[in-house]
C-alpha atoms as a PDB file:
ATOM      1  CA  UNK A   1       0.065   0.026  -0.161  1.00  0.00           C
ATOM      2  CA  UNK A   2       1.642   2.990  -1.193  1.00  0.00           C
ATOM      3  CA  UNK A   3       1.591   6.425   1.473  1.00  0.00           C
ATOM      4  CA  UNK A   4      -1.132   8.679   0.904  1.00  0.00           C
ATOM      5  CA  UNK A   5      -1.368  12.644   1.025  1.00  0.00           C
ATOM      6  CA  UNK A   6      -4.249  14.751   1.770  1.00  0.00           C
ATOM      7  CA  UNK A   7      -4.188  18.599   1.034  1.00  0.00           C
ATOM      8  CA  UNK A   8      -6.486  20.737   3.333  1.00  0.00           C
ATOM      9  CA  UNK A   9      -5.548  24.242   1.936  1.00  0.00           C
ATOM     10  CA  UNK A  10      -8.309  26.209   4.031  1.00  0.00           C
ATOM     11  CA  UNK A  11      -7.621  24.329   7.066  1.00  0.00           C
ATOM     12  CA  UNK A  12      -6.980  26.687  10.250  1.00  0.00           C
ATOM     13  CA  UNK A  13      -4.745  24.669  12.062  1.00  0.00           C
ATOM     14  CA  UNK A  14      -2.266  26.789  12.157  1.00  0.00           C
ATOM     15  CA  UNK A  15      -3.973  29.999  11.869  1.00  0.00           C
ATOM     16  CA  UNK A  16      -6.618  31.584   9.170  1.00  0.00           C
ATOM     17  CA  UNK A  17      -6.421  29.804   6.177  1.00  0.00           C
ATOM     18  CA  UNK A  18      -2.876  28.648   6.581  1.00  0.00           C
ATOM     19  CA  UNK A  19      -3.625  24.850   5.252  1.00  0.00           C
ATOM     20  CA  UNK A  20      -2.273  21.477   6.149  1.00  0.00           C
ATOM     21  CA  UNK A  21      -1.034  18.479   4.861  1.00  0.00           C
ATOM     22  CA  UNK A  22      -1.926  15.085   6.227  1.00  0.00           C
ATOM     23  CA  UNK A  23       0.349  11.797   5.368  1.00  0.00           C
ATOM     24  CA  UNK A  24      -0.943   8.560   5.790  1.00  0.00           C
ATOM     25  CA  UNK A  25       1.016   5.368   5.534  1.00  0.00           C
ATOM     26  CA  UNK A  26      -1.525   2.817   6.080  1.00  0.00           C
ATOM     27  CA  UNK A  27      -4.806   2.490   4.078  1.00  0.00           C
ATOM     28  CA  UNK A  28      -7.168   5.063   3.645  1.00  0.00           C
ATOM     29  CA  UNK A  29     -11.011   4.605   3.075  1.00  0.00           C
ATOM     30  CA  UNK A  30     -13.801   6.970   3.033  1.00  0.00           C
ATOM     31  CA  UNK A  31     -14.584   6.892   6.556  1.00  0.00           C
ATOM     32  CA  UNK A  32     -10.772   7.501   7.455  1.00  0.00           C
ATOM     33  CA  UNK A  33     -10.280  10.726   9.941  1.00  0.00           C
ATOM     34  CA  UNK A  34      -7.864  13.360   9.644  1.00  0.00           C
ATOM     35  CA  UNK A  35      -6.826  12.886  13.293  1.00  0.00           C
ATOM     36  CA  UNK A  36      -5.637   9.025  12.355  1.00  0.00           C
ATOM     37  CA  UNK A  37      -3.067  10.608  10.124  1.00  0.00           C
ATOM     38  CA  UNK A  38       0.992   9.627  10.733  1.00  0.00           C
ATOM     39  CA  UNK A  39       2.158  12.942  10.163  1.00  0.00           C
ATOM     40  CA  UNK A  40       0.647  16.414  10.113  1.00  0.00           C
ATOM     41  CA  UNK A  41       2.268  19.467   8.491  1.00  0.00           C
ATOM     42  CA  UNK A  42       0.222  22.755   9.171  1.00  0.00           C
ATOM     43  CA  UNK A  43       1.381  26.214   7.613  1.00  0.00           C
ATOM     44  CA  UNK A  44       1.664  29.296   9.716  1.00  0.00           C
ATOM     45  CA  UNK A  45       1.605  33.446   8.485  1.00  0.00           C
ATOM     46  CA  UNK A  46       0.699  32.185   5.096  1.00  0.00           C
ATOM     47  CA  UNK A  47      -1.798  30.901   2.661  1.00  0.00           C
ATOM     48  CA  UNK A  48      -3.035  27.833   1.295  1.00  0.00           C
ATOM     49  CA  UNK A  49      -0.418  25.100   2.562  1.00  0.00           C
ATOM     50  CA  UNK A  50      -1.620  21.811   1.001  1.00  0.00           C
ATOM     51  CA  UNK A  51      -2.489  22.961  -2.427  1.00  0.00           C
ATOM     52  CA  UNK A  52       0.564  21.433  -3.858  1.00  0.00           C
ATOM     53  CA  UNK A  53       2.283  18.532  -2.684  1.00  0.00           C
ATOM     54  CA  UNK A  54       4.468  15.454  -3.996  1.00  0.00           C
ATOM     55  CA  UNK A  55       6.122  12.338  -2.576  1.00  0.00           C
ATOM     56  CA  UNK A  56       9.261  12.705  -4.592  1.00  0.00           C
ATOM     57  CA  UNK A  57      10.971   9.461  -3.324  1.00  0.00           C
ATOM     58  CA  UNK A  58      14.310   9.243  -1.368  1.00  0.00           C
ATOM     59  CA  UNK A  59      16.001  12.356  -2.446  1.00  0.00           C
ATOM     60  CA  UNK A  60      18.753  12.041   0.496  1.00  0.00           C
ATOM     61  CA  UNK A  61      19.517   8.951  -0.039  1.00  0.00           C
ATOM     62  CA  UNK A  62      18.576   7.338   3.657  1.00  0.00           C
ATOM     63  CA  UNK A  63      16.387   4.623   2.492  1.00  0.00           C
ATOM     64  CA  UNK A  64      13.017   6.772   3.505  1.00  0.00           C
ATOM     65  CA  UNK A  65      10.734   8.305   1.136  1.00  0.00           C
ATOM     66  CA  UNK A  66      10.642  12.381   1.453  1.00  0.00           C
ATOM     67  CA  UNK A  67       7.804  14.695   0.874  1.00  0.00           C
ATOM     68  CA  UNK A  68       7.797  18.241  -0.700  1.00  0.00           C
ATOM     69  CA  UNK A  69       5.181  21.066  -0.162  1.00  0.00           C
ATOM     70  CA  UNK A  70       4.489  24.253  -1.333  1.00  0.00           C
ATOM     71  CA  UNK A  71       2.707  27.147   0.790  1.00  0.00           C
ATOM     72  CA  UNK A  72       1.660  30.683  -0.682  1.00  0.00           C
ATOM     73  CA  UNK A  73       3.030  34.095   0.863  1.00  0.00           C
ATOM     74  CA  UNK A  74       0.493  37.261   0.082  1.00  0.00           C
ATOM     75  CA  UNK A  75      -1.441  34.937  -2.669  1.00  0.00           C
ATOM     76  CA  UNK A  76       1.881  35.823  -5.164  1.00  0.00           C
ATOM     77  CA  UNK A  77       5.115  34.555  -3.499  1.00  0.00           C
ATOM     78  CA  UNK A  78       5.751  30.560  -2.642  1.00  0.00           C
ATOM     79  CA  UNK A  79       7.818  28.985  -0.547  1.00  0.00           C
ATOM     80  CA  UNK A  80       8.784  25.262  -1.294  1.00  0.00           C
ATOM     81  CA  UNK A  81      10.118  23.126   1.127  1.00  0.00           C
ATOM     82  CA  UNK A  82      11.352  19.298   1.206  1.00  0.00           C
ATOM     83  CA  UNK A  83      10.936  17.183   4.553  1.00  0.00           C
ATOM     84  CA  UNK A  84      13.116  14.250   5.017  1.00  0.00           C
ATOM     85  CA  UNK A  85      11.521  10.851   5.857  1.00  0.00           C
ATOM     86  CA  UNK A  86      10.622   9.019   8.500  1.00  0.00           C
ATOM     87  CA  UNK A  87       7.971  11.347   9.334  1.00  0.00           C
ATOM     88  CA  UNK A  88       5.562  11.182  12.168  1.00  0.00           C
ATOM     89  CA  UNK A  89       3.874  13.514  14.180  1.00  0.00           C
ATOM     90  CA  UNK A  90       3.006  17.005  13.741  1.00  0.00           C
ATOM     91  CA  UNK A  91       5.203  19.550  12.340  1.00  0.00           C
ATOM     92  CA  UNK A  92       5.060  23.082  11.049  1.00  0.00           C
ATOM     93  CA  UNK A  93       5.914  24.150   7.553  1.00  0.00           C
ATOM     94  CA  UNK A  94       8.523  26.419   8.407  1.00  0.00           C
ATOM     95  CA  UNK A  95      10.598  23.330  10.219  1.00  0.00           C
ATOM     96  CA  UNK A  96      11.137  21.676   6.646  1.00  0.00           C
ATOM     97  CA  UNK A  97      14.712  20.162   6.472  1.00  0.00           C
ATOM     98  CA  UNK A  98      15.305  21.987   3.023  1.00  0.00           C
ATOM     99  CA  UNK A  99      14.277  25.556   1.588  1.00  0.00           C
ATOM    100  CA  UNK A 100      13.987  25.308  -2.029  1.00  0.00           C
ATOM    101  CA  UNK A 101      12.351  28.395  -3.013  1.00  0.00           C
ATOM    102  CA  UNK A 102      11.178  31.098  -0.263  1.00  0.00           C
ATOM    103  CA  UNK A 103       9.135  33.941  -1.354  1.00  0.00           C
ATOM    104  CA  UNK A 104      11.405  36.096  -3.356  1.00  0.00           C
ATOM    105  CA  UNK A 105       8.959  38.605  -4.912  1.00  0.00           C
ATOM    106  CA  UNK A 106       9.036  37.386  -8.157  1.00  0.00           C
ATOM    107  CA  UNK A 107       5.598  36.034  -8.391  1.00  0.00           C
ATOM    108  CA  UNK A 108       6.043  33.199 -10.720  1.00  0.00           C
ATOM    109  CA  UNK A 109       4.099  30.530  -8.638  1.00  0.00           C
ATOM    110  CA  UNK A 110       7.250  28.082  -7.748  1.00  0.00           C
ATOM    111  CA  UNK A 111       5.561  25.226  -6.489  1.00  0.00           C
ATOM    112  CA  UNK A 112       2.359  25.645  -7.992  1.00  0.00           C
ATOM    113  CA  UNK A 113       2.937  22.057  -9.362  1.00  0.00           C
ATOM    114  CA  UNK A 114       5.185  19.514  -7.638  1.00  0.00           C
ATOM    115  CA  UNK A 115       6.057  15.802  -8.869  1.00  0.00           C
ATOM    116  CA  UNK A 116       8.762  12.859  -8.299  1.00  0.00           C
ATOM    117  CA  UNK A 117      10.726  12.340 -11.237  1.00  0.00           C
ATOM    118  CA  UNK A 118      12.447   9.242 -10.448  1.00  0.00           C
ATOM    119  CA  UNK A 119      16.077   8.800 -10.596  1.00  0.00           C
ATOM    120  CA  UNK A 120      16.827  10.653 -14.041  1.00  0.00           C
ATOM    121  CA  UNK A 121      20.536  10.992 -13.779  1.00  0.00           C
ATOM    122  CA  UNK A 122      20.934   7.407 -12.653  1.00  0.00           C
ATOM    123  CA  UNK A 123      22.786   9.021  -9.503  1.00  0.00           C
ATOM    124  CA  UNK A 124      20.736   6.272  -7.046  1.00  0.00           C
ATOM    125  CA  UNK A 125      19.161   9.386  -5.472  1.00  0.00           C
ATOM    126  CA  UNK A 126      15.752  10.431  -6.630  1.00  0.00           C
ATOM    127  CA  UNK A 127      15.150  13.956  -8.362  1.00  0.00           C
ATOM    128  CA  UNK A 128      12.035  15.903  -8.836  1.00  0.00           C
ATOM    129  CA  UNK A 129      10.239  18.939 -10.729  1.00  0.00           C
ATOM    130  CA  UNK A 130       9.085  22.214  -9.193  1.00  0.00           C
ATOM    131  CA  UNK A 131       6.857  24.019 -11.608  1.00  0.00           C
ATOM    132  CA  UNK A 132       6.424  28.172 -12.127  1.00  0.00           C
ATOM    133  CA  UNK A 133       3.518  28.587 -14.293  1.00  0.00           C
ATOM    134  CA  UNK A 134       4.080  32.346 -13.730  1.00  0.00           C
ATOM    135  CA  UNK A 135       7.945  32.871 -14.683  1.00  0.00           C
ATOM    136  CA  UNK A 136       8.985  35.321 -16.947  1.00  0.00           C
ATOM    137  CA  UNK A 137      11.527  36.285 -19.308  1.00  0.00           C
ATOM    138  CA  UNK A 138      12.306  39.698 -19.413  1.00  0.00           C
ATOM    139  CA  UNK A 139       8.542  40.769 -19.385  1.00  0.00           C
ATOM    140  CA  UNK A 140       6.925  37.785 -21.160  1.00  0.00           C
ATOM    141  CA  UNK A 141       5.024  35.228 -19.279  1.00  0.00           C
ATOM    142  CA  UNK A 142       6.794  31.954 -20.389  1.00  0.00           C
ATOM    143  CA  UNK A 143       6.673  29.411 -17.308  1.00  0.00           C
ATOM    144  CA  UNK A 144       9.205  27.496 -16.305  1.00  0.00           C
ATOM    145  CA  UNK A 145       9.687  23.722 -14.761  1.00  0.00           C
ATOM    146  CA  UNK A 146      13.232  22.764 -12.730  1.00  0.00           C
ATOM    147  CA  UNK A 147      14.545  19.263 -12.280  1.00  0.00           C
ATOM    148  CA  UNK A 148      15.786  19.544  -8.903  1.00  0.00           C
ATOM    149  CA  UNK A 149      18.488  16.451  -8.675  1.00  0.00           C
ATOM    150  CA  UNK A 150      18.717  14.439  -5.499  1.00  0.00           C
ATOM    151  CA  UNK A 151      21.926  14.281  -3.304  1.00  0.00           C
ATOM    152  CA  UNK A 152      23.092  17.388  -4.183  1.00  0.00           C
ATOM    153  CA  UNK A 153      24.143  18.297  -0.384  1.00  0.00           C
ATOM    154  CA  UNK A 154      20.919  17.551   0.774  1.00  0.00           C
END
């Protein structure tokens, strides 16, 4: 059974509309309550954690799958964070192991799409993609996607 992720971007767990992400390691049914989650991540001082998340695999090579998620700041800037597995308990979004993007004011929506990519470069570390649909080149809106290679200092 694969782990399941449930995003709750309107959750008030960490404050008004800060959002939450729930990780379930076991089977999930229609009657499963979020209180049964194996790990809970909550947003703080921003908006909508849980709109975009992914299980990119084992990025750091420790034998446990990792978790990638995005949260918007001021509804424009975004934060993309990586949590290393063995994940359990309740954690704040700002307590992530790695910050990949941290609301730099460009308004490119980095992290709007996140996906595991497998081991693209065959170095035994899983890699992942970060999409930024509003990325600009000069003044032209073109969008972008970045491949992030695992094992590079993680």
